[in-house]
Amino acid sequence: MLDTEADLIALHAGLVKESLHLEYKASDAVDRRDDRKKMEMARDASAFANADGGQIIYGMKENKDHEPDGLDVGLDPREYPEIWFEQVLQQHVTPKLNVKPRHIHLSTGRVAVVLDISPTTGDPHQVDGRYYRRHNFNRLAMEHYEVRDMFRRTTYPDLTMEFYFEGVSKHAQIKFLAEEHHVPIGLSPIIFNHSHEPALYVVALVLVDSRLEVLGNKYERLAPTDWGGVNVTPYRISFSPSHQMPIFKEQPALLPNLGIIVPQQMLGLPNDYTVGFEIRSPGCHRTGSMTMIVQYRRTLSIVSSEPRSNTVDKLKV
C-alpha cells in the first residue's frame, strides 16, 4: 500500500519498474485546462481496469527504462482535490470505473496522487468509443475478439446504490404538520447492477446518520455503529429468488422508502448528514456514501454522492 512520501521514495530507491499493475506519471500529465490530458488519464485508467487493475502514480518521473526517476514538485491539493480525478474519470469512462484517488502529502507542501484501480468484474470500460487494456508497460487498443471475450466473461454482479427523494429528485421540500415536527421525507434507495450477471441473492444495508429519525418497518434495524468516523444506524434488507426478481442490468431494484425526519432542534444548524450503503452478493461487496444538507429550513438536498470506499471483491457470502 502506498500511503506516505517515504513509500514513494522507496519505489525510486528500489528502482521498481513499471509493470502490468504500476505506472508512473509526472505531475504535468495533469491539467484541468487540457482536455487531451484528461482523455489520456481516462484511457490509462480504463486500460488498467480492463486488464488486472493496478495503480497510477502522478508526481513520479520515469526514465527510459521504465524505472522511477524521482518525485517532482507535485500538485496543488486545492486545485486538484481527490474528487476532481474521480469526476474526470466518471465523465469520460463508460461504464463507471471502480477507482479510488488518494493524495500523498509531500515535503514540498504539495501532493502526489495515486489512483487505485480495481479490475472490472462487469462489462469492459470504453473511452471515446474505444477499448484499451494494460500490457506490460504499455496501453494497447483492444482487438475486436478481446472486447467480445470480455463481454462474455462476466461472472459476477456489479452492484451499487443511489439515493433519491420522491419523483427521483435530489431535493425534497420540508413540510410541517406541527411546530415540533415535519412530515417524514421519503428516501428511496435504488440498487443498480452494472454487470450482465443477475444478482440472485443480495444483502443490503442502508446506513443513516444516527442524528436523524428514521421510519421504515420493511427493514431490520441494527445497532448504531461507527462508519468512517460517522455514527450511523444500519437498516438491513435481503433479496432472494423466492421473494423478489433478481437484480439485472436492465431493471434496477427500488427498495422500500425510509422516512427521514430531521429533529426540530437541528433544522437551523449548519449540519450535513451522511447516508451510505453496503451491498453484499456472491462475488460482489461494495460500499459508498452521500451527503444530505438542510437548506434554509425548507429543503433537504442530496449534495454529493462520493464513494467512501468503492470496492468490488470476489467474495463468497
Protein backbone atom coordinates (compact mmCIF):
# COMPACT_ATOMS: atom_id res chain seq x y z
CA MET A 1 0.00 0.00 0.00
CA LEU A 2 1.36 3.42 -0.94
CA ASP A 3 0.41 5.81 1.87
CA THR A 4 3.34 8.15 2.50
CA GLU A 5 6.08 10.10 0.74
CA ALA A 6 8.54 7.56 2.17
CA ASP A 7 6.68 4.77 0.33
CA LEU A 8 7.11 6.64 -2.96
CA ILE A 9 10.76 7.39 -2.27
CA ALA A 10 11.26 3.66 -1.62
CA LEU A 11 9.96 2.90 -5.12
CA HIS A 12 12.62 5.22 -6.53
CA ALA A 13 15.39 3.86 -4.29
CA GLY A 14 14.48 0.29 -5.20
CA LEU A 15 14.18 1.11 -8.92
CA VAL A 16 10.78 -0.58 -9.02
CA LYS A 17 9.89 -0.70 -12.70
CA GLU A 18 6.54 -0.02 -14.27
CA SER A 19 4.59 -3.18 -14.86
CA LEU A 20 1.19 -4.58 -15.69
CA HIS A 21 -0.02 -3.16 -12.36
CA LEU A 22 2.02 0.05 -11.97
CA GLU A 23 2.59 3.24 -13.97
CA TYR A 24 4.42 6.49 -13.21
CA LYS A 25 3.29 9.87 -14.48
CA ALA A 26 4.87 13.30 -13.96
CA SER A 27 2.67 15.98 -12.41
CA ASP A 28 2.48 17.85 -15.72
CA ALA A 29 0.41 14.93 -17.08
CA VAL A 30 -2.46 16.51 -15.11
CA ASP A 31 -4.02 19.77 -16.28
CA ARG A 32 -7.62 20.74 -15.65
CA ARG A 33 -7.50 23.09 -18.64
CA ASP A 34 -6.27 20.48 -21.12
CA ASP A 35 -8.97 18.10 -22.37
CA ARG A 36 -6.38 15.93 -24.13
CA LYS A 37 -4.66 15.17 -20.83
CA LYS A 38 -7.99 14.34 -19.23
CA MET A 39 -8.67 11.87 -22.03
CA GLU A 40 -5.22 10.33 -21.56
CA MET A 41 -5.95 9.86 -17.88
CA ALA A 42 -9.25 8.17 -18.74
CA ARG A 43 -7.62 5.87 -21.32
CA ASP A 44 -4.86 4.86 -18.90
CA ALA A 45 -7.25 4.17 -16.01
CA SER A 46 -9.67 2.19 -18.18
CA ALA A 47 -6.77 0.12 -19.54
CA PHE A 48 -5.81 -0.96 -16.01
CA ALA A 49 -9.42 -1.83 -15.18
CA ASN A 50 -9.79 -3.87 -18.39
CA ALA A 51 -6.65 -5.84 -17.51
CA ASP A 52 -5.96 -6.81 -13.89
CA GLY A 53 -6.24 -3.50 -12.06
CA GLY A 54 -3.31 -1.55 -10.64
CA GLN A 55 -2.02 1.87 -9.62
CA ILE A 56 -1.12 5.06 -11.46
CA ILE A 57 1.13 7.48 -9.57
CA TYR A 58 1.00 11.15 -10.62
CA GLY A 59 4.03 13.09 -9.38
CA MET A 60 6.71 10.46 -10.10
CA LYS A 61 9.01 10.91 -13.10
CA GLU A 62 10.21 7.88 -15.07
CA ASN A 63 13.31 7.17 -17.14
CA LYS A 64 13.64 5.43 -20.49
CA ASP A 65 13.96 2.03 -18.79
CA HIS A 66 10.51 2.44 -17.19
CA GLU A 67 12.11 2.99 -13.78
CA PRO A 68 11.09 5.76 -11.35
CA ASP A 69 13.29 8.85 -11.74
CA GLY A 70 12.25 10.56 -8.51
CA LEU A 71 9.38 12.65 -7.25
CA ASP A 72 8.73 16.00 -8.89
CA VAL A 73 7.28 19.10 -7.22
CA GLY A 74 3.78 17.56 -7.09
CA LEU A 75 0.28 19.02 -7.50
CA ASP A 76 -1.62 21.70 -5.60
CA PRO A 77 -4.18 19.78 -3.46
CA ARG A 78 -6.59 22.73 -3.54
CA GLU A 79 -6.62 22.85 -7.32
CA TYR A 80 -6.69 19.07 -7.70
CA PRO A 81 -8.73 17.54 -4.84
CA GLU A 82 -9.25 13.78 -4.91
CA ILE A 83 -12.84 14.20 -6.11
CA TRP A 84 -11.61 16.04 -9.24
CA PHE A 85 -9.88 12.89 -10.53
CA GLU A 86 -12.99 10.86 -9.85
CA GLN A 87 -15.18 13.35 -11.72
CA VAL A 88 -12.87 13.37 -14.76
CA LEU A 89 -12.97 9.58 -14.96
CA GLN A 90 -16.74 9.44 -14.48
CA GLN A 91 -17.14 11.95 -17.30
CA HIS A 92 -15.00 10.09 -19.84
CA VAL A 93 -15.18 6.36 -18.94
CA THR A 94 -18.20 4.12 -19.59
CA PRO A 95 -19.33 2.21 -17.57
CA LYS A 96 -18.10 3.90 -14.41
CA LEU A 97 -14.73 2.82 -13.07
CA ASN A 98 -14.13 1.35 -9.64
CA VAL A 99 -11.29 3.74 -8.74
CA LYS A 100 -10.11 5.48 -5.57
CA PRO A 101 -7.89 8.59 -5.94
CA ARG A 102 -5.64 9.34 -2.94
CA HIS A 103 -3.45 12.31 -2.04
CA ILE A 104 0.07 11.52 -0.79
CA HIS A 105 1.38 14.61 1.01
CA LEU A 106 4.90 15.67 0.05
CA SER A 107 7.52 17.70 1.92
CA THR A 108 7.10 20.39 -0.77
CA GLY A 109 3.64 21.18 0.65
CA ARG A 110 2.04 19.71 -2.45
CA VAL A 111 0.79 16.19 -3.18
CA ALA A 112 1.38 13.19 -5.38
CA VAL A 113 -1.78 11.38 -6.42
CA VAL A 114 -2.29 7.61 -6.50
CA LEU A 115 -5.18 6.11 -8.46
CA ASP A 116 -6.08 2.68 -7.06
CA ILE A 117 -7.94 0.92 -9.87
CA SER A 118 -9.78 -2.36 -9.39
CA PRO A 119 -10.15 -4.86 -12.23
CA THR A 120 -13.58 -4.84 -13.81
CA THR A 121 -15.90 -7.71 -12.98
CA GLY A 122 -18.56 -6.49 -15.41
CA ASP A 123 -18.55 -5.07 -18.92
CA PRO A 124 -15.25 -3.66 -20.24
CA HIS A 125 -14.72 0.09 -19.98
CA GLN A 126 -14.53 2.32 -23.02
CA VAL A 127 -13.26 5.85 -23.62
CA ASP A 128 -14.44 7.85 -26.61
CA GLY A 129 -15.88 4.71 -28.22
CA ARG A 130 -12.68 2.64 -27.91
CA TYR A 131 -11.49 -0.05 -25.50
CA TYR A 132 -7.98 -0.25 -24.04
CA ARG A 133 -6.05 -2.70 -21.88
CA ARG A 134 -2.78 -2.63 -19.99
CA HIS A 135 0.02 -4.83 -21.37
CA ASN A 136 3.43 -4.83 -19.63
CA PHE A 137 4.49 -1.14 -19.70
CA ASN A 138 2.04 -0.10 -22.38
CA ARG A 139 -1.57 0.76 -23.09
CA LEU A 140 -2.95 -1.02 -26.14
CA ALA A 141 -6.20 -0.69 -28.05
CA MET A 142 -8.16 -3.91 -27.68
CA GLU A 143 -8.92 -6.11 -30.66
CA HIS A 144 -12.50 -6.98 -31.50
CA TYR A 145 -12.15 -10.54 -30.22
CA GLU A 146 -10.77 -9.28 -26.87
CA VAL A 147 -13.74 -6.95 -26.38
CA ARG A 148 -16.14 -9.76 -27.33
CA ASP A 149 -14.49 -12.15 -24.85
CA MET A 150 -14.65 -9.57 -22.05
CA PHE A 151 -18.38 -9.16 -22.54
CA ARG A 152 -18.75 -12.93 -22.36
CA ARG A 153 -16.55 -13.50 -19.31
CA THR A 154 -18.74 -11.63 -16.83
CA THR A 155 -19.40 -13.96 -13.91
CA TYR A 156 -20.23 -11.63 -11.02
CA PRO A 157 -22.85 -8.95 -10.44
CA ASP A 158 -21.55 -5.40 -10.09
CA LEU A 159 -23.92 -3.61 -7.73
CA THR A 160 -24.12 -0.06 -6.44
CA MET A 161 -26.78 2.05 -4.76
CA GLU A 162 -28.11 5.55 -5.39
CA PHE A 163 -30.46 7.59 -3.20
CA TYR A 164 -33.34 9.79 -4.35
CA PHE A 165 -36.32 11.52 -2.87
CA GLU A 166 -39.86 11.23 -4.25
CA GLY A 167 -40.04 11.80 -8.01
CA VAL A 168 -36.45 10.63 -8.50
CA SER A 169 -35.31 14.01 -7.21
CA LYS A 170 -32.24 15.11 -5.27
CA HIS A 171 -34.29 17.73 -3.38
CA ALA A 172 -37.35 17.45 -1.11
CA GLN A 173 -39.43 20.18 0.48
CA ILE A 174 -39.77 20.12 4.29
CA LYS A 175 -43.44 20.38 5.24
CA PHE A 176 -44.59 20.88 8.80
CA LEU A 177 -47.57 19.20 10.48
CA ALA A 178 -46.90 20.85 13.81
CA GLU A 179 -44.38 23.26 15.20
CA GLU A 180 -42.21 20.46 16.58
CA HIS A 181 -42.15 18.03 13.67
CA HIS A 182 -42.08 17.97 9.89
CA VAL A 183 -43.67 15.39 7.62
CA PRO A 184 -41.33 12.40 7.08
CA ILE A 185 -39.43 12.71 3.80
CA GLY A 186 -39.31 9.53 1.76
CA LEU A 187 -35.77 8.45 0.88
CA SER A 188 -35.71 5.89 -1.95
CA PRO A 189 -32.65 3.63 -2.24
CA ILE A 190 -32.19 2.09 -5.71
CA ILE A 191 -29.77 -0.77 -6.46
CA PHE A 192 -28.19 -0.78 -9.91
CA ASN A 193 -26.39 -3.72 -11.49
CA HIS A 194 -23.69 -2.70 -14.00
CA SER A 195 -22.98 -6.31 -14.95
CA HIS A 196 -24.88 -8.65 -17.26
CA GLU A 197 -24.73 -11.26 -14.48
CA PRO A 198 -28.00 -11.14 -12.47
CA ALA A 199 -27.78 -10.78 -8.68
CA LEU A 200 -29.91 -13.55 -7.19
CA TYR A 201 -29.06 -13.17 -3.51
CA VAL A 202 -28.39 -9.74 -2.03
CA VAL A 203 -27.98 -8.37 1.48
CA ALA A 204 -28.13 -4.58 1.56
CA LEU A 205 -27.50 -2.17 4.42
CA VAL A 206 -28.73 1.41 4.31
CA LEU A 207 -26.62 3.40 6.78
CA VAL A 208 -28.31 6.53 8.12
CA ASP A 209 -26.72 9.25 10.24
CA SER A 210 -27.86 8.42 13.80
CA ARG A 211 -28.84 12.06 14.44
CA LEU A 212 -31.77 11.61 12.05
CA GLU A 213 -35.06 9.95 12.94
CA VAL A 214 -35.99 7.09 10.60
CA LEU A 215 -39.29 5.34 9.87
CA GLY A 216 -39.27 2.10 7.87
CA ASN A 217 -40.78 -1.17 9.00
CA LYS A 218 -39.63 -3.10 5.92
CA TYR A 219 -36.06 -3.06 7.24
CA GLU A 220 -34.32 -4.76 10.15
CA ARG A 221 -32.86 -2.06 12.37
CA LEU A 222 -29.38 -2.90 13.66
CA ALA A 223 -27.33 -1.38 16.46
CA PRO A 224 -25.68 2.00 15.74
CA THR A 225 -22.03 1.81 14.73
CA ASP A 226 -19.09 3.99 13.74
CA TRP A 227 -18.64 4.13 9.97
CA GLY A 228 -15.65 6.13 8.78
CA GLY A 229 -15.89 8.48 11.75
CA VAL A 230 -19.67 8.97 11.48
CA ASN A 231 -22.16 7.37 13.87
CA VAL A 232 -24.75 5.62 11.71
CA THR A 233 -27.65 3.25 12.22
CA PRO A 234 -27.78 0.33 9.74
CA TYR A 235 -31.07 -0.83 8.23
CA ARG A 236 -30.84 -4.26 6.62
CA ILE A 237 -32.90 -5.84 3.85
CA SER A 238 -32.37 -9.06 1.89
CA PHE A 239 -33.28 -10.36 -1.57
CA SER A 240 -33.77 -13.94 -2.72
CA PRO A 241 -35.40 -15.52 -5.80
CA SER A 242 -38.27 -16.86 -3.72
CA HIS A 243 -39.43 -13.31 -2.82
CA GLN A 244 -38.11 -10.90 -5.47
CA MET A 245 -36.98 -10.77 -9.05
CA PRO A 246 -33.19 -10.98 -9.50
CA ILE A 247 -31.47 -7.62 -9.91
CA PHE A 248 -30.29 -7.38 -13.51
CA LYS A 249 -28.76 -4.65 -15.62
CA GLU A 250 -31.90 -3.62 -17.44
CA GLN A 251 -34.07 -3.44 -14.31
CA PRO A 252 -32.77 -1.62 -11.19
CA ALA A 253 -34.31 -2.61 -7.86
CA LEU A 254 -36.25 0.05 -5.94
CA LEU A 255 -36.04 -0.61 -2.20
CA PRO A 256 -38.79 0.38 0.25
CA ASN A 257 -38.78 4.03 1.28
CA LEU A 258 -37.24 5.18 4.52
CA GLY A 259 -38.99 8.11 6.20
CA ILE A 260 -36.39 10.70 7.20
CA ILE A 261 -37.07 13.30 9.92
CA VAL A 262 -34.57 15.98 10.88
CA PRO A 263 -35.11 16.81 14.58
CA GLN A 264 -36.51 20.29 15.12
CA GLN A 265 -33.54 21.45 17.18
CA MET A 266 -31.18 20.61 14.30
CA LEU A 267 -33.09 22.17 11.42
CA GLY A 268 -31.43 25.55 11.79
CA LEU A 269 -27.92 24.24 12.37
CA PRO A 270 -25.28 24.03 9.59
CA ASN A 271 -25.11 20.24 9.77
CA ASP A 272 -24.65 17.74 6.99
CA TYR A 273 -25.83 14.16 7.31
CA THR A 274 -24.28 11.00 5.91
CA VAL A 275 -26.37 8.31 4.28
CA GLY A 276 -24.42 5.33 2.99
CA PHE A 277 -24.79 1.77 1.86
CA GLU A 278 -23.15 -1.62 1.91
CA ILE A 279 -24.14 -4.30 -0.59
CA ARG A 280 -23.10 -7.94 -0.48
CA SER A 281 -23.87 -10.51 -3.13
CA PRO A 282 -21.91 -13.61 -4.19
CA GLY A 283 -18.83 -12.15 -5.90
CA CYS A 284 -19.60 -8.53 -5.01
CA HIS A 285 -19.02 -6.29 -2.00
CA ARG A 286 -19.47 -2.55 -2.41
CA THR A 287 -19.85 0.43 -0.10
CA GLY A 288 -20.44 4.11 -0.71
CA SER A 289 -21.97 7.25 0.74
CA MET A 290 -23.63 10.56 0.00
CA THR A 291 -24.30 13.73 1.95
CA MET A 292 -27.59 15.47 2.70
CA ILE A 293 -27.97 19.04 3.93
CA VAL A 294 -30.88 21.15 5.16
CA GLN A 295 -31.16 24.43 3.23
CA TYR A 296 -32.95 27.43 4.78
CA ARG A 297 -35.05 25.09 6.99
CA ARG A 298 -37.12 24.36 3.87
CA THR A 299 -35.33 21.83 1.71
CA LEU A 300 -33.47 18.59 2.29
CA SER A 301 -30.95 18.10 -0.52
CA ILE A 302 -28.54 15.42 -1.64
CA VAL A 303 -25.49 17.49 -2.41
CA SER A 304 -22.89 14.84 -3.15
CA SER A 305 -22.54 11.17 -3.87
CA GLU A 306 -18.91 10.33 -3.11
CA PRO A 307 -17.74 6.77 -2.53
CA ARG A 308 -16.38 6.34 0.98
CA SER A 309 -14.77 3.20 -0.35
CA ASN A 310 -15.82 1.77 -3.62
CA THR A 311 -14.50 -1.75 -3.97
CA VAL A 312 -15.76 -4.87 -5.64
CA ASP A 313 -14.17 -8.01 -4.31
CA LYS A 314 -14.63 -11.62 -5.33
CA LEU A 315 -16.04 -12.76 -2.01
CA LYS A 316 -18.30 -15.63 -1.11
CA VAL A 317 -21.13 -14.57 1.16
